[in-house]
Amino acid sequence: KLKAYQKPLFPSYVIADTDTPEAFFLALKQVPKLSRLLRTDSDFW
């Protein structure tokens, strides 16, 4: 039988909807709990 499930279309990618990307990314970097979840070899585009 076919069983349905869901997975990310782009693994490791999250989309942020923002008008102020610099402020948002700075906030991510400044909060240790969040910055630890960011991949160290990538940036924001």
PDB file of all heavy atoms in Angstrom:
ATOM      1  N   LYS A   1       0.834  -1.199   0.000  1.00  0.00           N
ATOM      2  CA  LYS A   1       0.000   0.000   0.000  1.00  0.00           C
ATOM      3  C   LYS A   1       0.869   1.249   0.000  1.00  0.00           C
ATOM      4  O   LYS A   1       1.950   1.265   0.587  1.00  0.00           O
ATOM      5  CB  LYS A   1      -0.925   0.008   1.220  1.00  0.00           C
ATOM      6  CG  LYS A   1      -1.939  -1.124   1.214  1.00  0.00           C
ATOM      7  CD  LYS A   1      -2.875  -1.021   2.416  1.00  0.00           C
ATOM      8  CE  LYS A   1      -3.925  -2.122   2.401  1.00  0.00           C
ATOM      9  NZ  LYS A   1      -4.845  -2.036   3.562  1.00  0.00           N
ATOM     10  N   LEU A   2       0.374   2.295  -0.641  1.00  0.00           N
ATOM     11  CA  LEU A   2       1.093   3.567  -0.685  1.00  0.00           C
ATOM     12  C   LEU A   2       0.771   4.391   0.551  1.00  0.00           C
ATOM     13  O   LEU A   2      -0.396   4.627   0.861  1.00  0.00           O
ATOM     14  CB  LEU A   2       0.714   4.347  -1.947  1.00  0.00           C
ATOM     15  CG  LEU A   2       1.089   3.702  -3.286  1.00  0.00           C
ATOM     16  CD1 LEU A   2       0.522   4.506  -4.439  1.00  0.00           C
ATOM     17  CD2 LEU A   2       2.605   3.584  -3.419  1.00  0.00           C
ATOM     18  N   LYS A   3       1.812   4.844   1.239  1.00  0.00           N
ATOM     19  CA  LYS A   3       1.651   5.671   2.433  1.00  0.00           C
ATOM     20  C   LYS A   3       2.241   7.049   2.150  1.00  0.00           C
ATOM     21  O   LYS A   3       3.396   7.156   1.715  1.00  0.00           O
ATOM     22  CB  LYS A   3       2.365   5.051   3.632  1.00  0.00           C
ATOM     23  CG  LYS A   3       1.914   3.623   3.958  1.00  0.00           C
ATOM     24  CD  LYS A   3       0.503   3.593   4.502  1.00  0.00           C
ATOM     25  CE  LYS A   3       0.118   2.181   4.924  1.00  0.00           C
ATOM     26  NZ  LYS A   3      -1.273   2.118   5.451  1.00  0.00           N
ATOM     27  N   ALA A   4       1.466   8.086   2.370  1.00  0.00           N
ATOM     28  CA  ALA A   4       1.926   9.449   2.104  1.00  0.00           C
ATOM     29  C   ALA A   4       2.721  10.003   3.272  1.00  0.00           C
ATOM     30  O   ALA A   4       2.439   9.714   4.438  1.00  0.00           O
ATOM     31  CB  ALA A   4       0.727  10.357   1.805  1.00  0.00           C
ATOM     32  N   TYR A   5       3.737  10.790   2.974  1.00  0.00           N
ATOM     33  CA  TYR A   5       4.499  11.516   3.992  1.00  0.00           C
ATOM     34  C   TYR A   5       5.059  12.779   3.352  1.00  0.00           C
ATOM     35  O   TYR A   5       4.943  12.982   2.136  1.00  0.00           O
ATOM     36  CB  TYR A   5       5.617  10.646   4.585  1.00  0.00           C
ATOM     37  CG  TYR A   5       6.764  10.364   3.643  1.00  0.00           C
ATOM     38  CD1 TYR A   5       7.932  11.123   3.663  1.00  0.00           C
ATOM     39  CD2 TYR A   5       6.694   9.310   2.727  1.00  0.00           C
ATOM     40  CE1 TYR A   5       8.985  10.862   2.810  1.00  0.00           C
ATOM     41  CE2 TYR A   5       7.739   9.035   1.868  1.00  0.00           C
ATOM     42  CZ  TYR A   5       8.898   9.811   1.920  1.00  0.00           C
ATOM     43  OH  TYR A   5       9.935   9.549   1.062  1.00  0.00           O
ATOM     44  N   GLN A   6       5.671  13.621   4.148  1.00  0.00           N
ATOM     45  CA  GLN A   6       6.233  14.871   3.649  1.00  0.00           C
ATOM     46  C   GLN A   6       7.693  14.996   4.058  1.00  0.00           C
ATOM     47  O   GLN A   6       8.103  14.492   5.099  1.00  0.00           O
ATOM     48  CB  GLN A   6       5.443  16.068   4.187  1.00  0.00           C
ATOM     49  CG  GLN A   6       4.013  16.122   3.691  1.00  0.00           C
ATOM     50  CD  GLN A   6       3.192  17.153   4.432  1.00  0.00           C
ATOM     51  OE1 GLN A   6       3.736  18.052   5.064  1.00  0.00           O
ATOM     52  NE2 GLN A   6       1.885  17.019   4.370  1.00  0.00           N
ATOM     53  N   LYS A   7       8.464  15.665   3.218  1.00  0.00           N
ATOM     54  CA  LYS A   7       9.867  15.946   3.508  1.00  0.00           C
ATOM     55  C   LYS A   7      10.220  17.285   2.861  1.00  0.00           C
ATOM     56  O   LYS A   7       9.486  17.777   1.998  1.00  0.00           O
ATOM     57  CB  LYS A   7      10.768  14.839   2.973  1.00  0.00           C
ATOM     58  CG  LYS A   7      10.805  14.733   1.458  1.00  0.00           C
ATOM     59  CD  LYS A   7      11.761  13.644   0.997  1.00  0.00           C
ATOM     60  CE  LYS A   7      11.849  13.583  -0.526  1.00  0.00           C
ATOM     61  NZ  LYS A   7      12.814  12.554  -0.986  1.00  0.00           N
ATOM     62  N   PRO A   8      11.355  17.902   3.249  1.00  0.00           N
ATOM     63  CA  PRO A   8      11.739  19.173   2.624  1.00  0.00           C
ATOM     64  C   PRO A   8      12.066  18.998   1.142  1.00  0.00           C
ATOM     65  O   PRO A   8      12.722  18.032   0.759  1.00  0.00           O
ATOM     66  CB  PRO A   8      12.985  19.593   3.419  1.00  0.00           C
ATOM     67  CG  PRO A   8      12.878  18.868   4.715  1.00  0.00           C
ATOM     68  CD  PRO A   8      12.240  17.553   4.372  1.00  0.00           C
ATOM     69  N   LEU A   9      11.615  19.927   0.335  1.00  0.00           N
ATOM     70  CA  LEU A   9      11.973  19.922  -1.080  1.00  0.00           C
ATOM     71  C   LEU A   9      13.447  20.261  -1.257  1.00  0.00           C
ATOM     72  O   LEU A   9      14.124  19.698  -2.118  1.00  0.00           O
ATOM     73  CB  LEU A   9      11.105  20.939  -1.841  1.00  0.00           C
ATOM     74  CG  LEU A   9      11.310  21.010  -3.354  1.00  0.00           C
ATOM     75  CD1 LEU A   9      10.955  19.683  -4.027  1.00  0.00           C
ATOM     76  CD2 LEU A   9      10.485  22.149  -3.960  1.00  0.00           C
ATOM     77  N   PHE A  10      13.946  21.177  -0.415  1.00  0.00           N
ATOM     78  CA  PHE A  10      15.354  21.573  -0.437  1.00  0.00           C
ATOM     79  C   PHE A  10      15.942  21.328   0.955  1.00  0.00           C
ATOM     80  O   PHE A  10      15.881  22.214   1.822  1.00  0.00           O
ATOM     81  CB  PHE A  10      15.501  23.051  -0.825  1.00  0.00           C
ATOM     82  CG  PHE A  10      14.875  23.410  -2.141  1.00  0.00           C
ATOM     83  CD1 PHE A  10      13.688  24.121  -2.184  1.00  0.00           C
ATOM     84  CD2 PHE A  10      15.463  23.032  -3.339  1.00  0.00           C
ATOM     85  CE1 PHE A  10      13.097  24.454  -3.391  1.00  0.00           C
ATOM     86  CE2 PHE A  10      14.880  23.355  -4.555  1.00  0.00           C
ATOM     87  CZ  PHE A  10      13.693  24.068  -4.578  1.00  0.00           C
ATOM     88  N   PRO A  11      16.494  20.150   1.199  1.00  0.00           N
ATOM     89  CA  PRO A  11      17.029  19.853   2.533  1.00  0.00           C
ATOM     90  C   PRO A  11      18.065  20.888   2.971  1.00  0.00           C
ATOM     91  O   PRO A  11      18.876  21.353   2.165  1.00  0.00           O
ATOM     92  CB  PRO A  11      17.684  18.474   2.337  1.00  0.00           C
ATOM     93  CG  PRO A  11      16.929  17.862   1.205  1.00  0.00           C
ATOM     94  CD  PRO A  11      16.607  19.008   0.278  1.00  0.00           C
ATOM     95  N   SER A  12      17.983  21.275   4.228  1.00  0.00           N
ATOM     96  CA  SER A  12      18.849  22.255   4.904  1.00  0.00           C
ATOM     97  C   SER A  12      18.463  23.703   4.613  1.00  0.00           C
ATOM     98  O   SER A  12      19.002  24.617   5.219  1.00  0.00           O
ATOM     99  CB  SER A  12      20.334  22.050   4.580  1.00  0.00           C
ATOM    100  OG  SER A  12      20.717  22.649   3.349  1.00  0.00           O
ATOM    101  N   TYR A  13      17.503  23.928   3.698  1.00  0.00           N
ATOM    102  CA  TYR A  13      17.117  25.294   3.345  1.00  0.00           C
ATOM    103  C   TYR A  13      15.856  25.723   4.095  1.00  0.00           C
ATOM    104  O   TYR A  13      14.866  24.998   4.135  1.00  0.00           O
ATOM    105  CB  TYR A  13      16.837  25.422   1.848  1.00  0.00           C
ATOM    106  CG  TYR A  13      18.058  25.553   0.980  1.00  0.00           C
ATOM    107  CD1 TYR A  13      19.294  25.047   1.378  1.00  0.00           C
ATOM    108  CD2 TYR A  13      17.991  26.173  -0.259  1.00  0.00           C
ATOM    109  CE1 TYR A  13      20.412  25.164   0.578  1.00  0.00           C
ATOM    110  CE2 TYR A  13      19.108  26.292  -1.076  1.00  0.00           C
ATOM    111  CZ  TYR A  13      20.314  25.782  -0.655  1.00  0.00           C
ATOM    112  OH  TYR A  13      21.418  25.899  -1.457  1.00  0.00           O
ATOM    113  N   VAL A  14      15.910  26.939   4.636  1.00  0.00           N
ATOM    114  CA  VAL A  14      14.760  27.588   5.241  1.00  0.00           C
ATOM    115  C   VAL A  14      14.598  28.930   4.547  1.00  0.00           C
ATOM    116  O   VAL A  14      15.579  29.584   4.200  1.00  0.00           O
ATOM    117  CB  VAL A  14      14.981  27.803   6.744  1.00  0.00           C
ATOM    118  CG1 VAL A  14      13.872  28.638   7.350  1.00  0.00           C
ATOM    119  CG2 VAL A  14      15.073  26.467   7.448  1.00  0.00           C
ATOM    120  N   ILE A  15      13.369  29.334   4.315  1.00  0.00           N
ATOM    121  CA  ILE A  15      13.093  30.623   3.666  1.00  0.00           C
ATOM    122  C   ILE A  15      12.625  31.626   4.717  1.00  0.00           C
ATOM    123  O   ILE A  15      11.762  31.314   5.540  1.00  0.00           O
ATOM    124  CB  ILE A  15      12.007  30.481   2.585  1.00  0.00           C
ATOM    125  CG1 ILE A  15      12.357  29.360   1.593  1.00  0.00           C
ATOM    126  CG2 ILE A  15      11.798  31.811   1.861  1.00  0.00           C
ATOM    127  CD1 ILE A  15      13.593  29.595   0.784  1.00  0.00           C
ATOM    128  N   ALA A  16      13.200  32.823   4.670  1.00  0.00           N
ATOM    129  CA  ALA A  16      12.758  33.920   5.526  1.00  0.00           C
ATOM    130  C   ALA A  16      12.122  34.991   4.653  1.00  0.00           C
ATOM    131  O   ALA A  16      12.681  35.380   3.630  1.00  0.00           O
ATOM    132  CB  ALA A  16      13.926  34.515   6.294  1.00  0.00           C
ATOM    133  N   ASP A  17      10.974  35.450   5.051  1.00  0.00           N
ATOM    134  CA  ASP A  17      10.255  36.526   4.366  1.00  0.00           C
ATOM    135  C   ASP A  17      10.492  37.796   5.171  1.00  0.00           C
ATOM    136  O   ASP A  17      10.002  37.930   6.290  1.00  0.00           O
ATOM    137  CB  ASP A  17       8.772  36.165   4.307  1.00  0.00           C
ATOM    138  CG  ASP A  17       7.901  37.272   3.736  1.00  0.00           C
ATOM    139  OD1 ASP A  17       8.438  38.334   3.370  1.00  0.00           O
ATOM    140  OD2 ASP A  17       6.679  37.075   3.668  1.00  0.00           O
ATOM    141  N   THR A  18      11.279  38.718   4.622  1.00  0.00           N
ATOM    142  CA  THR A  18      11.650  39.902   5.397  1.00  0.00           C
ATOM    143  C   THR A  18      11.941  41.097   4.503  1.00  0.00           C
ATOM    144  O   THR A  18      12.417  40.947   3.380  1.00  0.00           O
ATOM    145  CB  THR A  18      12.894  39.619   6.266  1.00  0.00           C
ATOM    146  OG1 THR A  18      13.282  40.802   6.963  1.00  0.00           O
ATOM    147  CG2 THR A  18      14.069  39.131   5.440  1.00  0.00           C
ATOM    148  N   ASP A  19      11.662  42.284   5.014  1.00  0.00           N
ATOM    149  CA  ASP A  19      12.048  43.543   4.357  1.00  0.00           C
ATOM    150  C   ASP A  19      13.394  44.037   4.860  1.00  0.00           C
ATOM    151  O   ASP A  19      13.977  44.946   4.282  1.00  0.00           O
ATOM    152  CB  ASP A  19      11.005  44.632   4.649  1.00  0.00           C
ATOM    153  CG  ASP A  19       9.693  44.373   3.930  1.00  0.00           C
ATOM    154  OD1 ASP A  19       9.734  43.958   2.754  1.00  0.00           O
ATOM    155  OD2 ASP A  19       8.638  44.569   4.549  1.00  0.00           O
ATOM    156  N   THR A  20      13.859  43.473   5.986  1.00  0.00           N
ATOM    157  CA  THR A  20      15.098  43.934   6.624  1.00  0.00           C
ATOM    158  C   THR A  20      16.049  42.755   6.830  1.00  0.00           C
ATOM    159  O   THR A  20      16.281  42.314   7.959  1.00  0.00           O
ATOM    160  CB  THR A  20      14.782  44.605   7.972  1.00  0.00           C
ATOM    161  OG1 THR A  20      14.037  43.676   8.793  1.00  0.00           O
ATOM    162  CG2 THR A  20      13.954  45.873   7.770  1.00  0.00           C
ATOM    163  N   PRO A  21      16.613  42.230   5.743  1.00  0.00           N
ATOM    164  CA  PRO A  21      17.441  41.028   5.844  1.00  0.00           C
ATOM    165  C   PRO A  21      18.677  41.193   6.720  1.00  0.00           C
ATOM    166  O   PRO A  21      19.053  40.273   7.448  1.00  0.00           O
ATOM    167  CB  PRO A  21      17.824  40.736   4.392  1.00  0.00           C
ATOM    168  CG  PRO A  21      17.632  42.017   3.662  1.00  0.00           C
ATOM    169  CD  PRO A  21      16.489  42.699   4.339  1.00  0.00           C
ATOM    170  N   GLU A  22      19.319  42.372   6.656  1.00  0.00           N
ATOM    171  CA  GLU A  22      20.525  42.569   7.451  1.00  0.00           C
ATOM    172  C   GLU A  22      20.214  42.498   8.943  1.00  0.00           C
ATOM    173  O   GLU A  22      20.921  41.843   9.715  1.00  0.00           O
ATOM    174  CB  GLU A  22      21.185  43.923   7.118  1.00  0.00           C
ATOM    175  CG  GLU A  22      21.697  44.033   5.694  1.00  0.00           C
ATOM    176  CD  GLU A  22      20.616  44.437   4.709  1.00  0.00           C
ATOM    177  OE1 GLU A  22      19.443  44.667   5.140  1.00  0.00           O
ATOM    178  OE2 GLU A  22      20.927  44.503   3.505  1.00  0.00           O
ATOM    179  N   ALA A  23      19.133  43.162   9.349  1.00  0.00           N
ATOM    180  CA  ALA A  23      18.752  43.150  10.765  1.00  0.00           C
ATOM    181  C   ALA A  23      18.362  41.746  11.204  1.00  0.00           C
ATOM    182  O   ALA A  23      18.697  41.309  12.314  1.00  0.00           O
ATOM    183  CB  ALA A  23      17.600  44.121  11.005  1.00  0.00           C
ATOM    184  N   PHE A  24      17.677  41.027  10.339  1.00  0.00           N
ATOM    185  CA  PHE A  24      17.247  39.678  10.678  1.00  0.00           C
ATOM    186  C   PHE A  24      18.434  38.742  10.845  1.00  0.00           C
ATOM    187  O   PHE A  24      18.534  38.003  11.826  1.00  0.00           O
ATOM    188  CB  PHE A  24      16.296  39.156   9.597  1.00  0.00           C
ATOM    189  CG  PHE A  24      15.861  37.739   9.807  1.00  0.00           C
ATOM    190  CD1 PHE A  24      15.127  37.376  10.926  1.00  0.00           C
ATOM    191  CD2 PHE A  24      16.197  36.758   8.883  1.00  0.00           C
ATOM    192  CE1 PHE A  24      14.721  36.064  11.128  1.00  0.00           C
ATOM    193  CE2 PHE A  24      15.794  35.444   9.075  1.00  0.00           C
ATOM    194  CZ  PHE A  24      15.061  35.097  10.199  1.00  0.00           C
ATOM    195  N   PHE A  25      19.364  38.782   9.898  1.00  0.00           N
ATOM    196  CA  PHE A  25      20.505  37.883   9.967  1.00  0.00           C
ATOM    197  C   PHE A  25      21.413  38.234  11.149  1.00  0.00           C
ATOM    198  O   PHE A  25      21.962  37.349  11.815  1.00  0.00           O
ATOM    199  CB  PHE A  25      21.290  37.931   8.664  1.00  0.00           C
ATOM    200  CG  PHE A  25      22.274  36.806   8.526  1.00  0.00           C
ATOM    201  CD1 PHE A  25      21.890  35.497   8.767  1.00  0.00           C
ATOM    202  CD2 PHE A  25      23.573  37.047   8.142  1.00  0.00           C
ATOM    203  CE1 PHE A  25      22.788  34.451   8.631  1.00  0.00           C
ATOM    204  CE2 PHE A  25      24.486  36.013   8.006  1.00  0.00           C
ATOM    205  CZ  PHE A  25      24.094  34.707   8.245  1.00  0.00           C
ATOM    206  N   LEU A  26      21.539  39.527  11.435  1.00  0.00           N
ATOM    207  CA  LEU A  26      22.328  39.952  12.603  1.00  0.00           C
ATOM    208  C   LEU A  26      21.703  39.400  13.880  1.00  0.00           C
ATOM    209  O   LEU A  26      22.413  38.926  14.780  1.00  0.00           O
ATOM    210  CB  LEU A  26      22.409  41.473  12.658  1.00  0.00           C
ATOM    211  CG  LEU A  26      23.241  42.064  13.807  1.00  0.00           C
ATOM    212  CD1 LEU A  26      24.694  41.597  13.699  1.00  0.00           C
ATOM    213  CD2 LEU A  26      23.169  43.587  13.792  1.00  0.00           C
ATOM    214  N   ALA A  27      20.374  39.427  13.948  1.00  0.00           N
ATOM    215  CA  ALA A  27      19.681  38.888  15.123  1.00  0.00           C
ATOM    216  C   ALA A  27      19.948  37.396  15.271  1.00  0.00           C
ATOM    217  O   ALA A  27      20.156  36.890  16.382  1.00  0.00           O
ATOM    218  CB  ALA A  27      18.187  39.158  15.028  1.00  0.00           C
ATOM    219  N   LEU A  28      19.974  36.673  14.159  1.00  0.00           N
ATOM    220  CA  LEU A  28      20.269  35.240  14.218  1.00  0.00           C
ATOM    221  C   LEU A  28      21.666  34.993  14.767  1.00  0.00           C
ATOM    222  O   LEU A  28      21.880  34.097  15.581  1.00  0.00           O
ATOM    223  CB  LEU A  28      20.168  34.612  12.821  1.00  0.00           C
ATOM    224  CG  LEU A  28      18.807  34.536  12.142  1.00  0.00           C
ATOM    225  CD1 LEU A  28      18.940  33.814  10.808  1.00  0.00           C
ATOM    226  CD2 LEU A  28      17.783  33.829  13.011  1.00  0.00           C
ATOM    227  N   LYS A  29      22.623  35.781  14.308  1.00  0.00           N
ATOM    228  CA  LYS A  29      24.010  35.596  14.704  1.00  0.00           C
ATOM    229  C   LYS A  29      24.247  35.956  16.166  1.00  0.00           C
ATOM    230  O   LYS A  29      25.135  35.416  16.824  1.00  0.00           O
ATOM    231  CB  LYS A  29      24.921  36.442  13.812  1.00  0.00           C
ATOM    232  CG  LYS A  29      25.088  35.930  12.402  1.00  0.00           C
ATOM    233  CD  LYS A  29      25.941  34.671  12.375  1.00  0.00           C
ATOM    234  CE  LYS A  29      26.395  34.315  10.976  1.00  0.00           C
ATOM    235  NZ  LYS A  29      27.265  33.117  10.969  1.00  0.00           N
ATOM    236  N   GLN A  30      23.465  36.897  16.684  1.00  0.00           N
ATOM    237  CA  GLN A  30      23.710  37.409  18.036  1.00  0.00           C
ATOM    238  C   GLN A  30      23.086  36.554  19.131  1.00  0.00           C
ATOM    239  O   GLN A  30      23.430  36.718  20.302  1.00  0.00           O
ATOM    240  CB  GLN A  30      23.203  38.853  18.143  1.00  0.00           C
ATOM    241  CG  GLN A  30      24.083  39.850  17.396  1.00  0.00           C
ATOM    242  CD  GLN A  30      23.577  41.271  17.513  1.00  0.00           C
ATOM    243  OE1 GLN A  30      22.384  41.504  17.755  1.00  0.00           O
ATOM    244  NE2 GLN A  30      24.469  42.234  17.325  1.00  0.00           N
ATOM    245  N   VAL A  31      22.158  35.691  18.769  1.00  0.00           N
ATOM    246  CA  VAL A  31      21.527  34.830  19.764  1.00  0.00           C
ATOM    247  C   VAL A  31      22.212  33.467  19.717  1.00  0.00           C
ATOM    248  O   VAL A  31      22.068  32.737  18.732  1.00  0.00           O
ATOM    249  CB  VAL A  31      20.013  34.678  19.499  1.00  0.00           C
ATOM    250  CG1 VAL A  31      19.387  33.738  20.529  1.00  0.00           C
ATOM    251  CG2 VAL A  31      19.331  36.042  19.533  1.00  0.00           C
ATOM    252  N   PRO A  32      22.969  33.098  20.754  1.00  0.00           N
ATOM    253  CA  PRO A  32      23.742  31.847  20.720  1.00  0.00           C
ATOM    254  C   PRO A  32      22.912  30.618  20.372  1.00  0.00           C
ATOM    255  O   PRO A  32      23.347  29.761  19.603  1.00  0.00           O
ATOM    256  CB  PRO A  32      24.315  31.754  22.141  1.00  0.00           C
ATOM    257  CG  PRO A  32      24.394  33.174  22.597  1.00  0.00           C
ATOM    258  CD  PRO A  32      23.201  33.857  21.990  1.00  0.00           C
ATOM    259  N   LYS A  33      21.707  30.514  20.913  1.00  0.00           N
ATOM    260  CA  LYS A  33      20.884  29.340  20.654  1.00  0.00           C
ATOM    261  C   LYS A  33      20.539  29.219  19.179  1.00  0.00           C
ATOM    262  O   LYS A  33      20.419  28.109  18.633  1.00  0.00           O
ATOM    263  CB  LYS A  33      19.601  29.410  21.492  1.00  0.00           C
ATOM    264  CG  LYS A  33      18.763  28.137  21.436  1.00  0.00           C
ATOM    265  CD  LYS A  33      17.610  28.190  22.412  1.00  0.00           C
ATOM    266  CE  LYS A  33      16.801  26.890  22.373  1.00  0.00           C
ATOM    267  NZ  LYS A  33      15.670  26.919  23.337  1.00  0.00           N
ATOM    268  N   LEU A  34      20.391  30.379  18.505  1.00  0.00           N
ATOM    269  CA  LEU A  34      20.092  30.366  17.078  1.00  0.00           C
ATOM    270  C   LEU A  34      21.356  30.181  16.247  1.00  0.00           C
ATOM    271  O   LEU A  34      21.376  29.410  15.289  1.00  0.00           O
ATOM    272  CB  LEU A  34      19.395  31.666  16.670  1.00  0.00           C
ATOM    273  CG  LEU A  34      18.002  31.897  17.256  1.00  0.00           C
ATOM    274  CD1 LEU A  34      17.471  33.255  16.823  1.00  0.00           C
ATOM    275  CD2 LEU A  34      17.045  30.795  16.821  1.00  0.00           C
ATOM    276  N   SER A  35      22.418  30.892  16.608  1.00  0.00           N
ATOM    277  CA  SER A  35      23.649  30.827  15.814  1.00  0.00           C
ATOM    278  C   SER A  35      24.232  29.419  15.795  1.00  0.00           C
ATOM    279  O   SER A  35      24.867  29.012  14.817  1.00  0.00           O
ATOM    280  CB  SER A  35      24.688  31.822  16.340  1.00  0.00           C
ATOM    281  OG  SER A  35      25.073  31.501  17.662  1.00  0.00           O
ATOM    282  N   ARG A  36      24.006  28.649  16.838  1.00  0.00           N
ATOM    283  CA  ARG A  36      24.520  27.276  16.870  1.00  0.00           C
ATOM    284  C   ARG A  36      23.817  26.379  15.846  1.00  0.00           C
ATOM    285  O   ARG A  36      24.344  25.344  15.460  1.00  0.00           O
ATOM    286  CB  ARG A  36      24.356  26.677  18.271  1.00  0.00           C
ATOM    287  CG  ARG A  36      25.378  27.177  19.273  1.00  0.00           C
ATOM    288  CD  ARG A  36      25.394  26.287  20.506  1.00  0.00           C
ATOM    289  NE  ARG A  36      24.140  26.344  21.247  1.00  0.00           N
ATOM    290  CZ  ARG A  36      23.895  27.181  22.238  1.00  0.00           C
ATOM    291  NH1 ARG A  36      24.821  28.068  22.607  1.00  0.00           N
ATOM    292  NH2 ARG A  36      22.730  27.170  22.866  1.00  0.00           N
ATOM    293  N   LEU A  37      22.623  26.788  15.425  1.00  0.00           N
ATOM    294  CA  LEU A  37      21.880  25.991  14.448  1.00  0.00           C
ATOM    295  C   LEU A  37      22.197  26.381  13.007  1.00  0.00           C
ATOM    296  O   LEU A  37      21.760  25.706  12.077  1.00  0.00           O
ATOM    297  CB  LEU A  37      20.373  26.137  14.693  1.00  0.00           C
ATOM    298  CG  LEU A  37      19.846  25.510  15.986  1.00  0.00           C
ATOM    299  CD1 LEU A  37      18.386  25.884  16.203  1.00  0.00           C
ATOM    300  CD2 LEU A  37      19.988  24.002  15.949  1.00  0.00           C
ATOM    301  N   LEU A  38      22.928  27.465  12.815  1.00  0.00           N
ATOM    302  CA  LEU A  38      23.265  27.910  11.469  1.00  0.00           C
ATOM    303  C   LEU A  38      24.459  27.122  10.946  1.00  0.00           C
ATOM    304  O   LEU A  38      25.373  26.780  11.692  1.00  0.00           O
ATOM    305  CB  LEU A  38      23.598  29.397  11.455  1.00  0.00           C
ATOM    306  CG  LEU A  38      22.508  30.338  11.970  1.00  0.00           C
ATOM    307  CD1 LEU A  38      22.980  31.780  11.880  1.00  0.00           C
ATOM    308  CD2 LEU A  38      21.216  30.152  11.199  1.00  0.00           C
ATOM    309  N   ARG A  39      24.454  26.848   9.649  1.00  0.00           N
ATOM    310  CA  ARG A  39      25.591  26.147   9.068  1.00  0.00           C
ATOM    311  C   ARG A  39      26.756  27.112   8.948  1.00  0.00           C
ATOM    312  O   ARG A  39      26.612  28.213   8.408  1.00  0.00           O
ATOM    313  CB  ARG A  39      25.214  25.574   7.692  1.00  0.00           C
ATOM    314  CG  ARG A  39      25.979  24.322   7.337  1.00  0.00           C
ATOM    315  CD  ARG A  39      25.412  23.650   6.119  1.00  0.00           C
ATOM    316  NE  ARG A  39      25.849  24.322   4.895  1.00  0.00           N
ATOM    317  CZ  ARG A  39      25.479  23.934   3.679  1.00  0.00           C
ATOM    318  NH1 ARG A  39      24.655  22.919   3.546  1.00  0.00           N
ATOM    319  NH2 ARG A  39      25.913  24.557   2.612  1.00  0.00           N
ATOM    320  N   THR A  40      27.907  26.729   9.422  1.00  0.00           N
ATOM    321  CA  THR A  40      29.032  27.656   9.532  1.00  0.00           C
ATOM    322  C   THR A  40      29.624  28.050   8.180  1.00  0.00           C
ATOM    323  O   THR A  40      30.269  29.092   8.074  1.00  0.00           O
ATOM    324  CB  THR A  40      30.142  27.051  10.400  1.00  0.00           C
ATOM    325  OG1 THR A  40      30.523  25.782   9.841  1.00  0.00           O
ATOM    326  CG2 THR A  40      29.662  26.830  11.820  1.00  0.00           C
ATOM    327  N   ASP A  41      29.428  27.248   7.135  1.00  0.00           N
ATOM    328  CA  ASP A  41      30.059  27.523   5.843  1.00  0.00           C
ATOM    329  C   ASP A  41      29.141  28.235   4.867  1.00  0.00           C
ATOM    330  O   ASP A  41      29.413  28.301   3.676  1.00  0.00           O
ATOM    331  CB  ASP A  41      30.555  26.219   5.211  1.00  0.00           C
ATOM    332  CG  ASP A  41      29.411  25.245   4.929  1.00  0.00           C
ATOM    333  OD1 ASP A  41      28.312  25.450   5.480  1.00  0.00           O
ATOM    334  OD2 ASP A  41      29.637  24.294   4.166  1.00  0.00           O
ATOM    335  N   SER A  42      28.028  28.764   5.341  1.00  0.00           N
ATOM    336  CA  SER A  42      27.090  29.415   4.413  1.00  0.00           C
ATOM    337  C   SER A  42      26.705  30.796   4.904  1.00  0.00           C
ATOM    338  O   SER A  42      26.977  31.176   6.036  1.00  0.00           O
ATOM    339  CB  SER A  42      25.831  28.555   4.234  1.00  0.00           C
ATOM    340  OG  SER A  42      25.156  28.430   5.459  1.00  0.00           O
ATOM    341  N   ASP A  43      26.086  31.567   4.014  1.00  0.00           N
ATOM    342  CA  ASP A  43      25.632  32.904   4.371  1.00  0.00           C
ATOM    343  C   ASP A  43      24.168  33.053   3.972  1.00  0.00           C
ATOM    344  O   ASP A  43      23.455  32.066   3.841  1.00  0.00           O
ATOM    345  CB  ASP A  43      26.528  33.970   3.728  1.00  0.00           C
ATOM    346  CG  ASP A  43      26.685  33.772   2.240  1.00  0.00           C
ATOM    347  OD1 ASP A  43      26.105  32.809   1.701  1.00  0.00           O
ATOM    348  OD2 ASP A  43      27.381  34.562   1.608  1.00  0.00           O
ATOM    349  N   PHE A  44      23.758  34.290   3.732  1.00  0.00           N
ATOM    350  CA  PHE A  44      22.357  34.648   3.604  1.00  0.00           C
ATOM    351  C   PHE A  44      22.137  35.237   2.227  1.00  0.00           C
ATOM    352  O   PHE A  44      22.835  36.160   1.856  1.00  0.00           O
ATOM    353  CB  PHE A  44      22.094  35.659   4.708  1.00  0.00           C
ATOM    354  CG  PHE A  44      20.709  36.193   4.799  1.00  0.00           C
ATOM    355  CD1 PHE A  44      19.619  35.360   4.739  1.00  0.00           C
ATOM    356  CD2 PHE A  44      20.496  37.549   5.002  1.00  0.00           C
ATOM    357  CE1 PHE A  44      18.336  35.863   4.860  1.00  0.00           C
ATOM    358  CE2 PHE A  44      19.223  38.070   5.129  1.00  0.00           C
ATOM    359  CZ  PHE A  44      18.141  37.219   5.052  1.00  0.00           C
ATOM    360  N   TRP A  45      21.210  34.699   1.427  1.00  0.00           N
ATOM    361  CA  TRP A  45      21.049  35.231   0.078  1.00  0.00           C
ATOM    362  C   TRP A  45      19.592  35.264  -0.362  1.00  0.00           C
ATOM    363  O   TRP A  45      18.757  34.532   0.124  1.00  0.00           O
ATOM    364  CB  TRP A  45      21.890  34.463  -0.933  1.00  0.00           C
ATOM    365  CG  TRP A  45      21.852  32.975  -0.850  1.00  0.00           C
ATOM    366  CD1 TRP A  45      22.619  32.175  -0.055  1.00  0.00           C
ATOM    367  CD2 TRP A  45      21.021  32.091  -1.596  1.00  0.00           C
ATOM    368  NE1 TRP A  45      22.320  30.853  -0.267  1.00  0.00           N
ATOM    369  CE2 TRP A  45      21.347  30.769  -1.204  1.00  0.00           C
ATOM    370  CE3 TRP A  45      20.037  32.283  -2.577  1.00  0.00           C
ATOM    371  CZ2 TRP A  45      20.716  29.642  -1.742  1.00  0.00           C
ATOM    372  CZ3 TRP A  45      19.409  31.175  -3.116  1.00  0.00           C
ATOM    373  CH2 TRP A  45      19.753  29.872  -2.698  1.00  0.00           C
TER     374      TRP A  45
END
